[in-house]
Amino acid sequence: MVDVDRRMAGLNPAHMAGLRRLSARAAASAPSTPLPPRNSLFSFTPLADKVIAHLKDSGVPVRPGLTEPEFAVAEAEFGFAFPPDLRAVLSAGLPLGAGFPDWRSSGPARLHLRASIDLPIASISFHIARNALWSKSWGPRPSDPEKAMKIARNALKRAPLLIPVFNHCYIPCNPCLAGNPVFFAGWSSDEVSDALGFDFRREKVKKPAIKLSPELAERIGKLAEAVDRSSSSS
């Protein structure tokens, strides 16, 4: 409580009486209830339950939701944190219909899950190697394909990783907040550009094909195979 009984220079009796009332009111007020943390899991539970109920009503198989240890394993293995709204949905239930990622999978299915996470970068790398994609923010494109790929890969490492949600629908892991947009990534240049936040644009004038080194051609071939396998199995 503020000591307003001590006479202060410049205060008349009316001012002092007002200060006493304010001081007494502040001292008597009950402590406010702390607000729940922003984006806490609890705040998304009702919405998550509605999503899972809708999926079940639509005939989508749903298994028990992921546990905290299962979330920890997936986040450590794949190198991202689930945004709180997606985390709430996967805690309420794990949809396993066609096109849904199985975060509890193992064996070959786990490899397919990894492929679906790697697919955006693999597809972008494939298009960059074919001279079909380049970001203005990376500066002039080197004529050497190896140097161009190195610049692109270093830039893509700073882009948010995309988390598969359903088929070609992905959600960025950063910022790790609720409300991140869900992107449909059909892997055209514009869709990939929007998903990763880069200003990719196809050249209006088609550039001549660049002769690739055998080593680079082999790597691009493997990327193309990974893209084809993931696309055909989704």
Foldseek 3Di string as FASTA:
>chain_A
DDPLVPDDPPDDPVNSVVVVVVVVVVVPDDDDDDDDDALDLVVLQVVLLVVVVVCVVVVFDKAAADDPVLQVVLCVVQPFHAASNVNSNRNRIQTDHQFAQDSPDDDPSVVLQVLLQCLLVLLVLLCVLQVFKDFVVLPDQDLASVVNSVSVVVVLVPFFGWHRGGHQWTFGRPPSYPDTDIARPPSDQVSSCVRRVTDIDGDPDDDDGDDDDPVVVVVSVVSVVSNVVSNVRD
